[in-house]
Amino acid sequence: ARKIVNQSFFVENEDKLHQQKIVFTNGCFDLLHCGHITYLAKAREL
């Protein structure tokens, strides 16, 4: 539940968050499948 945030979270926590390298991606992710999992794992590695 703590991982689901609203947009203001990023403005309010900008200084703290930007002490790390932030990766962003987006999409619908309607029916999760192994292509999504592989993609997200590779994105996280960045």
All heavy atoms as atom14 arrays in JSON, in Angstrom:
{
  "sequence": "ARKIVNQSFFVENEDKLHQQKIVFTNGCFDLLHCGHITYLAKAREL",
  "atom14_mask": [
    [1, 1, 1, 1, 1, 0, 0, 0, 0, 0, 0, 0, 0, 0],
    [1, 1, 1, 1, 1, 1, 1, 1, 1, 1, 1, 0, 0, 0],
    [1, 1, 1, 1, 1, 1, 1, 1, 1, 0, 0, 0, 0, 0],
    [1, 1, 1, 1, 1, 1, 1, 1, 0, 0, 0, 0, 0, 0],
    [1, 1, 1, 1, 1, 1, 1, 0, 0, 0, 0, 0, 0, 0],
    [1, 1, 1, 1, 1, 1, 1, 1, 0, 0, 0, 0, 0, 0],
    [1, 1, 1, 1, 1, 1, 1, 1, 1, 0, 0, 0, 0, 0],
    [1, 1, 1, 1, 1, 1, 0, 0, 0, 0, 0, 0, 0, 0],
    [1, 1, 1, 1, 1, 1, 1, 1, 1, 1, 1, 0, 0, 0],
    [1, 1, 1, 1, 1, 1, 1, 1, 1, 1, 1, 0, 0, 0],
    [1, 1, 1, 1, 1, 1, 1, 0, 0, 0, 0, 0, 0, 0],
    [1, 1, 1, 1, 1, 1, 1, 1, 1, 0, 0, 0, 0, 0],
    [1, 1, 1, 1, 1, 1, 1, 1, 0, 0, 0, 0, 0, 0],
    [1, 1, 1, 1, 1, 1, 1, 1, 1, 0, 0, 0, 0, 0],
    [1, 1, 1, 1, 1, 1, 1, 1, 0, 0, 0, 0, 0, 0],
    [1, 1, 1, 1, 1, 1, 1, 1, 1, 0, 0, 0, 0, 0],
    [1, 1, 1, 1, 1, 1, 1, 1, 0, 0, 0, 0, 0, 0],
    [1, 1, 1, 1, 1, 1, 1, 1, 1, 1, 0, 0, 0, 0],
    [1, 1, 1, 1, 1, 1, 1, 1, 1, 0, 0, 0, 0, 0],
    [1, 1, 1, 1, 1, 1, 1, 1, 1, 0, 0, 0, 0, 0],
    [1, 1, 1, 1, 1, 1, 1, 1, 1, 0, 0, 0, 0, 0],
    [1, 1, 1, 1, 1, 1, 1, 1, 0, 0, 0, 0, 0, 0],
    [1, 1, 1, 1, 1, 1, 1, 0, 0, 0, 0, 0, 0, 0],
    [1, 1, 1, 1, 1, 1, 1, 1, 1, 1, 1, 0, 0, 0],
    [1, 1, 1, 1, 1, 1, 1, 0, 0, 0, 0, 0, 0, 0],
    [1, 1, 1, 1, 1, 1, 1, 1, 0, 0, 0, 0, 0, 0],
    [1, 1, 1, 1, 0, 0, 0, 0, 0, 0, 0, 0, 0, 0],
    [1, 1, 1, 1, 1, 1, 0, 0, 0, 0, 0, 0, 0, 0],
    [1, 1, 1, 1, 1, 1, 1, 1, 1, 1, 1, 0, 0, 0],
    [1, 1, 1, 1, 1, 1, 1, 1, 0, 0, 0, 0, 0, 0],
    [1, 1, 1, 1, 1, 1, 1, 1, 0, 0, 0, 0, 0, 0],
    [1, 1, 1, 1, 1, 1, 1, 1, 0, 0, 0, 0, 0, 0],
    [1, 1, 1, 1, 1, 1, 1, 1, 1, 1, 0, 0, 0, 0],
    [1, 1, 1, 1, 1, 1, 0, 0, 0, 0, 0, 0, 0, 0],
    [1, 1, 1, 1, 0, 0, 0, 0, 0, 0, 0, 0, 0, 0],
    [1, 1, 1, 1, 1, 1, 1, 1, 1, 1, 0, 0, 0, 0],
    [1, 1, 1, 1, 1, 1, 1, 1, 0, 0, 0, 0, 0, 0],
    [1, 1, 1, 1, 1, 1, 1, 0, 0, 0, 0, 0, 0, 0],
    [1, 1, 1, 1, 1, 1, 1, 1, 1, 1, 1, 1, 0, 0],
    [1, 1, 1, 1, 1, 1, 1, 1, 0, 0, 0, 0, 0, 0],
    [1, 1, 1, 1, 1, 0, 0, 0, 0, 0, 0, 0, 0, 0],
    [1, 1, 1, 1, 1, 1, 1, 1, 1, 0, 0, 0, 0, 0],
    [1, 1, 1, 1, 1, 0, 0, 0, 0, 0, 0, 0, 0, 0],
    [1, 1, 1, 1, 1, 1, 1, 1, 1, 1, 1, 0, 0, 0],
    [1, 1, 1, 1, 1, 1, 1, 1, 1, 0, 0, 0, 0, 0],
    [1, 1, 1, 1, 1, 1, 1, 1, 0, 0, 0, 0, 0, 0]
  ],
  "atom14_positions": [
    [[0.83, -1.22, 0.0], [0.0, 0.0, 0.0], [0.86, 1.26, 0.0], [0.51, 2.25, -0.65], [-0.95, -0.01, 1.2], [0.0, 0.0, 0.0], [0.0, 0.0, 0.0], [0.0, 0.0, 0.0], [0.0, 0.0, 0.0], [0.0, 0.0, 0.0], [0.0, 0.0, 0.0], [0.0, 0.0, 0.0], [0.0, 0.0, 0.0], [0.0, 0.0, 0.0]],
    [[1.99, 1.25, 0.68], [2.88, 2.42, 0.73], [3.53, 2.71, -0.62], [4.0, 3.81, -0.86], [3.96, 2.24, 1.79], [3.49, 2.46, 3.2], [4.65, 2.62, 4.18], [5.55, 1.48, 4.19], [5.42, 0.41, 4.99], [4.43, 0.35, 5.84], [6.3, -0.56, 4.94], [0.0, 0.0, 0.0], [0.0, 0.0, 0.0], [0.0, 0.0, 0.0]],
    [[3.58, 1.71, -1.47], [4.21, 1.88, -2.78], [3.27, 2.55, -3.79], [3.73, 3.01, -4.82], [4.69, 0.52, -3.31], [5.86, -0.04, -2.5], [6.17, -1.48, -2.85], [6.76, -1.63, -4.21], [7.21, -3.04, -4.47], [0.0, 0.0, 0.0], [0.0, 0.0, 0.0], [0.0, 0.0, 0.0], [0.0, 0.0, 0.0], [0.0, 0.0, 0.0]],
    [[1.98, 2.6, -3.49], [1.02, 3.26, -4.37], [0.85, 4.69, -3.87], [0.35, 4.9, -2.76], [-0.32, 2.5, -4.39], [-0.11, 1.06, -4.86], [-1.32, 3.23, -5.29], [-1.31, 0.16, -4.7], [0.0, 0.0, 0.0], [0.0, 0.0, 0.0], [0.0, 0.0, 0.0], [0.0, 0.0, 0.0], [0.0, 0.0, 0.0], [0.0, 0.0, 0.0]],
    [[1.31, 5.63, -4.66], [1.37, 7.03, -4.22], [0.64, 7.93, -5.22], [0.33, 7.51, -6.33], [2.83, 7.5, -4.06], [3.55, 6.67, -2.98], [3.59, 7.43, -5.38], [0.0, 0.0, 0.0], [0.0, 0.0, 0.0], [0.0, 0.0, 0.0], [0.0, 0.0, 0.0], [0.0, 0.0, 0.0], [0.0, 0.0, 0.0], [0.0, 0.0, 0.0]],
    [[0.38, 9.17, -4.8], [-0.21, 10.14, -5.72], [0.91, 11.04, -6.27], [2.05, 10.99, -5.81], [-1.32, 10.94, -5.05], [-0.84, 11.69, -3.82], [0.32, 12.12, -3.77], [-1.69, 11.84, -2.84], [0.0, 0.0, 0.0], [0.0, 0.0, 0.0], [0.0, 0.0, 0.0], [0.0, 0.0, 0.0], [0.0, 0.0, 0.0], [0.0, 0.0, 0.0]],
    [[0.56, 11.86, -7.23], [1.58, 12.67, -7.89], [2.26, 13.67, -6.97], [3.44, 13.97, -7.13], [0.97, 13.37, -9.11], [0.56, 12.39, -10.18], [0.15, 13.05, -11.47], [0.58, 14.16, -11.79], [-0.68, 12.36, -12.24], [0.0, 0.0, 0.0], [0.0, 0.0, 0.0], [0.0, 0.0, 0.0], [0.0, 0.0, 0.0], [0.0, 0.0, 0.0]],
    [[1.54, 14.18, -5.99], [2.13, 15.16, -5.08], [3.25, 14.56, -4.24], [4.13, 15.28, -3.76], [1.06, 15.78, -4.18], [0.49, 14.79, -3.35], [0.0, 0.0, 0.0], [0.0, 0.0, 0.0], [0.0, 0.0, 0.0], [0.0, 0.0, 0.0], [0.0, 0.0, 0.0], [0.0, 0.0, 0.0], [0.0, 0.0, 0.0], [0.0, 0.0, 0.0]],
    [[3.26, 13.25, -4.08], [4.32, 12.56, -3.34], [5.7, 12.94, -3.87], [6.64, 13.14, -3.11], [4.11, 11.04, -3.42], [5.23, 10.23, -2.85], [5.28, 9.95, -1.49], [6.24, 9.74, -3.66], [6.32, 9.2, -0.96], [7.29, 8.99, -3.13], [7.32, 8.72, -1.78], [0.0, 0.0, 0.0], [0.0, 0.0, 0.0], [0.0, 0.0, 0.0]],
    [[5.82, 13.04, -5.18], [7.12, 13.3, -5.8], [7.58, 14.74, -5.59], [8.77, 15.01, -5.46], [7.09, 12.92, -7.28], [6.82, 11.46, -7.46], [5.54, 11.02, -7.74], [7.82, 10.53, -7.27], [5.26, 9.67, -7.86], [7.56, 9.17, -7.38], [6.28, 8.74, -7.67], [0.0, 0.0, 0.0], [0.0, 0.0, 0.0], [0.0, 0.0, 0.0]],
    [[6.64, 15.65, -5.53], [6.96, 17.05, -5.26], [7.35, 17.21, -3.78], [8.36, 17.83, -3.45], [5.77, 17.96, -5.63], [6.06, 19.41, -5.25], [5.43, 17.84, -7.11], [0.0, 0.0, 0.0], [0.0, 0.0, 0.0], [0.0, 0.0, 0.0], [0.0, 0.0, 0.0], [0.0, 0.0, 0.0], [0.0, 0.0, 0.0], [0.0, 0.0, 0.0]],
    [[6.58, 16.6, -2.91], [6.8, 16.7, -1.46], [8.08, 16.0, -1.01], [8.66, 16.38, 0.01], [5.61, 16.1, -0.7], [4.32, 16.88, -0.9], [3.08, 16.11, -0.5], [3.18, 14.97, 0.0], [1.96, 16.65, -0.72], [0.0, 0.0, 0.0], [0.0, 0.0, 0.0], [0.0, 0.0, 0.0], [0.0, 0.0, 0.0], [0.0, 0.0, 0.0]],
    [[8.53, 14.99, -1.73], [9.71, 14.2, -1.34], [10.87, 14.33, -2.32], [11.75, 13.48, -2.35], [9.3, 12.73, -1.2], [8.35, 12.51, -0.07], [8.73, 12.5, 1.09], [7.07, 12.37, -0.41], [0.0, 0.0, 0.0], [0.0, 0.0, 0.0], [0.0, 0.0, 0.0], [0.0, 0.0, 0.0], [0.0, 0.0, 0.0], [0.0, 0.0, 0.0]],
    [[10.87, 15.4, -3.08], [11.87, 15.57, -4.15], [13.3, 15.46, -3.64], [14.12, 14.73, -4.2], [11.66, 16.91, -4.85], [12.63, 17.14, -5.99], [12.36, 18.43, -6.73], [11.33, 19.08, -6.5], [13.19, 18.78, -7.57], [0.0, 0.0, 0.0], [0.0, 0.0, 0.0], [0.0, 0.0, 0.0], [0.0, 0.0, 0.0], [0.0, 0.0, 0.0]],
    [[13.64, 16.17, -2.58], [15.02, 16.16, -2.09], [15.45, 14.77, -1.67], [16.55, 14.31, -2.01], [15.18, 17.14, -0.92], [15.06, 18.59, -1.36], [15.24, 18.87, -2.56], [14.77, 19.45, -0.51], [0.0, 0.0, 0.0], [0.0, 0.0, 0.0], [0.0, 0.0, 0.0], [0.0, 0.0, 0.0], [0.0, 0.0, 0.0], [0.0, 0.0, 0.0]],
    [[14.62, 14.08, -0.94], [14.93, 12.72, -0.47], [15.06, 11.75, -1.65], [16.01, 10.97, -1.72], [13.86, 12.23, 0.5], [14.08, 10.83, 1.0], [12.93, 10.39, 1.88], [13.04, 8.9, 2.17], [11.83, 8.36, 2.73], [0.0, 0.0, 0.0], [0.0, 0.0, 0.0], [0.0, 0.0, 0.0], [0.0, 0.0, 0.0], [0.0, 0.0, 0.0]],
    [[14.11, 11.81, -2.56], [14.1, 10.88, -3.69], [15.31, 11.07, -4.6], [15.88, 10.11, -5.11], [12.81, 11.04, -4.5], [11.55, 10.52, -3.84], [10.32, 10.97, -4.6], [11.58, 9.0, -3.72], [0.0, 0.0, 0.0], [0.0, 0.0, 0.0], [0.0, 0.0, 0.0], [0.0, 0.0, 0.0], [0.0, 0.0, 0.0], [0.0, 0.0, 0.0]],
    [[15.72, 12.3, -4.8], [16.79, 12.57, -5.75], [18.18, 12.38, -5.17], [19.17, 12.73, -5.79], [16.61, 13.96, -6.38], [15.52, 13.95, -7.39], [15.7, 13.47, -8.67], [14.21, 14.29, -7.32], [14.57, 13.53, -9.33], [13.65, 14.02, -8.53], [0.0, 0.0, 0.0], [0.0, 0.0, 0.0], [0.0, 0.0, 0.0], [0.0, 0.0, 0.0]],
    [[18.25, 11.72, -4.03], [19.54, 11.25, -3.53], [19.89, 9.91, -4.17], [20.97, 9.37, -3.95], [19.5, 11.12, -2.01], [19.35, 12.45, -1.31], [19.15, 12.31, 0.19], [19.36, 11.26, 0.76], [18.76, 13.39, 0.83], [0.0, 0.0, 0.0], [0.0, 0.0, 0.0], [0.0, 0.0, 0.0], [0.0, 0.0, 0.0], [0.0, 0.0, 0.0]],
    [[18.95, 9.41, -4.98], [19.12, 8.14, -5.68], [18.83, 8.35, -7.16], [18.22, 9.35, -7.55], [18.15, 7.1, -5.11], [18.34, 6.86, -3.63], [17.27, 5.95, -3.1], [17.4, 4.74, -3.2], [16.21, 6.52, -2.57], [0.0, 0.0, 0.0], [0.0, 0.0, 0.0], [0.0, 0.0, 0.0], [0.0, 0.0, 0.0], [0.0, 0.0, 0.0]],
    [[19.25, 7.39, -7.98], [18.98, 7.44, -9.42], [17.58, 6.91, -9.67], [17.29, 5.74, -9.43], [20.02, 6.61, -10.16], [19.98, 6.75, -11.65], [21.15, 5.98, -12.27], [21.23, 6.21, -13.75], [22.36, 5.43, -14.31], [0.0, 0.0, 0.0], [0.0, 0.0, 0.0], [0.0, 0.0, 0.0], [0.0, 0.0, 0.0], [0.0, 0.0, 0.0]],
    [[16.7, 7.79, -10.2], [15.3, 7.44, -10.41], [15.07, 7.05, -11.87], [15.43, 7.79, -12.79], [14.38, 8.63, -10.05], [14.55, 8.97, -8.56], [12.93, 8.3, -10.37], [13.83, 10.22, -8.14], [0.0, 0.0, 0.0], [0.0, 0.0, 0.0], [0.0, 0.0, 0.0], [0.0, 0.0, 0.0], [0.0, 0.0, 0.0], [0.0, 0.0, 0.0]],
    [[14.44, 5.9, -12.03], [14.05, 5.41, -13.35], [12.53, 5.51, -13.43], [11.82, 5.17, -12.48], [14.47, 3.94, -13.55], [14.03, 3.42, -14.92], [15.98, 3.78, -13.36], [0.0, 0.0, 0.0], [0.0, 0.0, 0.0], [0.0, 0.0, 0.0], [0.0, 0.0, 0.0], [0.0, 0.0, 0.0], [0.0, 0.0, 0.0], [0.0, 0.0, 0.0]],
    [[12.03, 5.97, -14.57], [10.59, 6.1, -14.77], [10.18, 5.34, -16.02], [10.84, 5.41, -17.06], [10.19, 7.57, -14.94], [8.71, 7.77, -15.17], [7.86, 7.96, -14.11], [8.18, 7.75, -16.46], [6.49, 8.14, -14.31], [6.82, 7.93, -16.68], [5.98, 8.12, -15.6], [0.0, 0.0, 0.0], [0.0, 0.0, 0.0], [0.0, 0.0, 0.0]],
    [[9.08, 4.63, -15.92], [8.43, 4.04, -17.07], [6.93, 4.14, -16.87], [6.47, 4.48, -15.78], [8.86, 2.59, -17.34], [8.43, 2.21, -18.65], [8.3, 1.63, -16.29], [0.0, 0.0, 0.0], [0.0, 0.0, 0.0], [0.0, 0.0, 0.0], [0.0, 0.0, 0.0], [0.0, 0.0, 0.0], [0.0, 0.0, 0.0], [0.0, 0.0, 0.0]],
    [[6.18, 3.87, -17.91], [4.73, 3.96, -17.77], [4.03, 3.01, -18.73], [4.65, 2.49, -19.66], [4.25, 5.39, -18.04], [4.45, 5.8, -19.47], [5.57, 6.15, -19.88], [3.39, 5.76, -20.27], [0.0, 0.0, 0.0], [0.0, 0.0, 0.0], [0.0, 0.0, 0.0], [0.0, 0.0, 0.0], [0.0, 0.0, 0.0], [0.0, 0.0, 0.0]],
    [[2.76, 2.8, -18.47], [1.97, 1.97, -19.37], [0.66, 1.56, -18.73], [0.33, 1.97, -17.61], [0.0, 0.0, 0.0], [0.0, 0.0, 0.0], [0.0, 0.0, 0.0], [0.0, 0.0, 0.0], [0.0, 0.0, 0.0], [0.0, 0.0, 0.0], [0.0, 0.0, 0.0], [0.0, 0.0, 0.0], [0.0, 0.0, 0.0], [0.0, 0.0, 0.0]],
    [[-0.07, 0.71, -19.45], [-1.39, 0.24, -19.0], [-1.26, -0.99, -18.11], [-2.01, -1.14, -17.15], [-2.26, -0.09, -20.2], [-2.51, 1.31, -21.31], [0.0, 0.0, 0.0], [0.0, 0.0, 0.0], [0.0, 0.0, 0.0], [0.0, 0.0, 0.0], [0.0, 0.0, 0.0], [0.0, 0.0, 0.0], [0.0, 0.0, 0.0], [0.0, 0.0, 0.0]],
    [[-0.36, -1.89, -18.44], [-0.11, -3.11, -17.67], [-1.43, -3.78, -17.27], [-1.66, -4.09, -16.11], [0.76, -2.81, -16.45], [2.13, -2.33, -16.83], [2.39, -0.96, -16.95], [3.15, -3.22, -17.1], [3.65, -0.51, -17.33], [4.41, -2.77, -17.48], [4.66, -1.41, -17.59], [0.0, 0.0, 0.0], [0.0, 0.0, 0.0], [0.0, 0.0, 0.0]],
    [[-2.26, -4.02, -18.27], [-3.61, -4.52, -18.05], [-3.62, -5.99, -17.63], [-4.2, -6.33, -16.6], [-4.44, -4.3, -19.31], [-5.92, -4.44, -19.07], [-6.34, -4.62, -17.91], [-6.68, -4.34, -20.05], [0.0, 0.0, 0.0], [0.0, 0.0, 0.0], [0.0, 0.0, 0.0], [0.0, 0.0, 0.0], [0.0, 0.0, 0.0], [0.0, 0.0, 0.0]],
    [[-3.03, -6.84, -18.42], [-2.88, -8.25, -18.06], [-1.38, -8.51, -17.97], [-0.69, -8.58, -18.97], [-3.51, -9.17, -19.11], [-5.01, -9.07, -19.31], [-5.47, -9.97, -20.45], [-5.75, -9.44, -18.03], [0.0, 0.0, 0.0], [0.0, 0.0, 0.0], [0.0, 0.0, 0.0], [0.0, 0.0, 0.0], [0.0, 0.0, 0.0], [0.0, 0.0, 0.0]],
    [[-0.88, -8.63, -16.77], [0.55, -8.76, -16.54], [1.05, -10.09, -17.09], [0.45, -11.14, -16.84], [0.82, -8.67, -15.04], [2.21, -8.24, -14.62], [2.55, -6.87, -15.18], [2.31, -8.22, -13.11], [0.0, 0.0, 0.0], [0.0, 0.0, 0.0], [0.0, 0.0, 0.0], [0.0, 0.0, 0.0], [0.0, 0.0, 0.0], [0.0, 0.0, 0.0]],
    [[2.14, -10.06, -17.85], [2.71, -11.28, -18.43], [4.23, -11.23, -18.33], [4.8, -10.23, -17.86], [2.24, -11.45, -19.88], [2.47, -10.26, -20.75], [3.72, -9.87, -21.19], [1.6, -9.37, -21.28], [3.61, -8.81, -21.95], [2.32, -8.47, -22.02], [0.0, 0.0, 0.0], [0.0, 0.0, 0.0], [0.0, 0.0, 0.0], [0.0, 0.0, 0.0]],
    [[4.9, -12.31, -18.74], [6.35, -12.4, -18.55], [7.1, -11.32, -19.34], [8.19, -10.92, -18.93], [6.86, -13.8, -18.85], [6.89, -14.25, -20.57], [0.0, 0.0, 0.0], [0.0, 0.0, 0.0], [0.0, 0.0, 0.0], [0.0, 0.0, 0.0], [0.0, 0.0, 0.0], [0.0, 0.0, 0.0], [0.0, 0.0, 0.0], [0.0, 0.0, 0.0]],
    [[6.55, -10.85, -20.43], [7.18, -9.73, -21.14], [7.24, -8.49, -20.28], [8.26, -7.79, -20.24], [0.0, 0.0, 0.0], [0.0, 0.0, 0.0], [0.0, 0.0, 0.0], [0.0, 0.0, 0.0], [0.0, 0.0, 0.0], [0.0, 0.0, 0.0], [0.0, 0.0, 0.0], [0.0, 0.0, 0.0], [0.0, 0.0, 0.0], [0.0, 0.0, 0.0]],
    [[6.15, -8.22, -19.55], [6.14, -7.08, -18.62], [7.18, -7.27, -17.52], [7.92, -6.33, -17.19], [4.76, -6.94, -17.95], [3.68, -6.44, -18.84], [2.42, -6.99, -18.83], [3.65, -5.44, -19.76], [1.66, -6.35, -19.69], [2.38, -5.4, -20.27], [0.0, 0.0, 0.0], [0.0, 0.0, 0.0], [0.0, 0.0, 0.0], [0.0, 0.0, 0.0]],
    [[7.22, -8.46, -16.95], [8.13, -8.72, -15.83], [9.58, -8.55, -16.28], [10.39, -7.92, -15.59], [7.9, -10.14, -15.25], [6.47, -10.28, -14.72], [8.94, -10.47, -14.18], [6.1, -9.32, -13.62], [0.0, 0.0, 0.0], [0.0, 0.0, 0.0], [0.0, 0.0, 0.0], [0.0, 0.0, 0.0], [0.0, 0.0, 0.0], [0.0, 0.0, 0.0]],
    [[9.92, -9.09, -17.44], [11.28, -8.96, -17.97], [11.62, -7.49, -18.2], [12.7, -7.01, -17.83], [11.42, -9.76, -19.28], [11.09, -11.13, -19.01], [12.81, -9.66, -19.85], [0.0, 0.0, 0.0], [0.0, 0.0, 0.0], [0.0, 0.0, 0.0], [0.0, 0.0, 0.0], [0.0, 0.0, 0.0], [0.0, 0.0, 0.0], [0.0, 0.0, 0.0]],
    [[10.69, -6.78, -18.81], [10.88, -5.35, -19.09], [11.09, -4.56, -17.79], [12.02, -3.76, -17.67], [9.65, -4.82, -19.84], [9.59, -3.33, -19.97], [10.33, -2.66, -20.95], [8.81, -2.57, -19.11], [10.28, -1.28, -21.07], [8.76, -1.19, -19.23], [9.49, -0.55, -20.2], [9.44, 0.81, -20.3], [0.0, 0.0, 0.0], [0.0, 0.0, 0.0]],
    [[10.24, -4.8, -16.8], [10.33, -4.06, -15.53], [11.62, -4.39, -14.78], [12.23, -3.51, -14.17], [9.1, -4.33, -14.67], [7.79, -3.75, -15.23], [6.59, -4.32, -14.48], [7.8, -2.24, -15.21], [0.0, 0.0, 0.0], [0.0, 0.0, 0.0], [0.0, 0.0, 0.0], [0.0, 0.0, 0.0], [0.0, 0.0, 0.0], [0.0, 0.0, 0.0]],
    [[12.04, -5.63, -14.82], [13.29, -6.02, -14.17], [14.47, -5.31, -14.82], [15.37, -4.81, -14.13], [13.47, -7.54, -14.22], [0.0, 0.0, 0.0], [0.0, 0.0, 0.0], [0.0, 0.0, 0.0], [0.0, 0.0, 0.0], [0.0, 0.0, 0.0], [0.0, 0.0, 0.0], [0.0, 0.0, 0.0], [0.0, 0.0, 0.0], [0.0, 0.0, 0.0]],
    [[14.47, -5.25, -16.15], [15.55, -4.56, -16.85], [15.51, -3.06, -16.6], [16.56, -2.41, -16.46], [15.49, -4.86, -18.35], [15.91, -6.28, -18.67], [15.85, -6.55, -20.15], [16.29, -7.98, -20.43], [16.24, -8.32, -21.85], [0.0, 0.0, 0.0], [0.0, 0.0, 0.0], [0.0, 0.0, 0.0], [0.0, 0.0, 0.0], [0.0, 0.0, 0.0]],
    [[14.32, -2.5, -16.51], [14.19, -1.08, -16.21], [14.76, -0.77, -14.84], [15.49, 0.21, -14.64], [12.72, -0.65, -16.29], [0.0, 0.0, 0.0], [0.0, 0.0, 0.0], [0.0, 0.0, 0.0], [0.0, 0.0, 0.0], [0.0, 0.0, 0.0], [0.0, 0.0, 0.0], [0.0, 0.0, 0.0], [0.0, 0.0, 0.0], [0.0, 0.0, 0.0]],
    [[14.46, -1.62, -13.87], [14.94, -1.42, -12.49], [16.45, -1.45, -12.41], [17.07, -0.75, -11.61], [14.32, -2.48, -11.58], [14.74, -2.38, -10.13], [14.29, -1.04, -9.54], [14.44, -0.99, -8.12], [15.59, -0.78, -7.47], [16.7, -0.64, -8.15], [15.62, -0.72, -6.16], [0.0, 0.0, 0.0], [0.0, 0.0, 0.0], [0.0, 0.0, 0.0]],
    [[17.08, -2.24, -13.26], [18.55, -2.35, -13.28], [19.22, -1.06, -13.72], [20.41, -0.88, -13.51], [18.99, -3.5, -14.2], [18.62, -4.86, -13.66], [18.88, -5.99, -14.65], [19.32, -5.7, -15.8], [18.64, -7.15, -14.28], [0.0, 0.0, 0.0], [0.0, 0.0, 0.0], [0.0, 0.0, 0.0], [0.0, 0.0, 0.0], [0.0, 0.0, 0.0]],
    [[18.45, -0.14, -14.3], [19.01, 1.13, -14.79], [19.16, 2.19, -13.71], [19.68, 3.27, -13.98], [18.14, 1.66, -15.93], [18.02, 0.76, -17.16], [17.01, 1.33, -18.15], [19.39, 0.57, -17.82], [0.0, 0.0, 0.0], [0.0, 0.0, 0.0], [0.0, 0.0, 0.0], [0.0, 0.0, 0.0], [0.0, 0.0, 0.0], [0.0, 0.0, 0.0]]
  ]
}
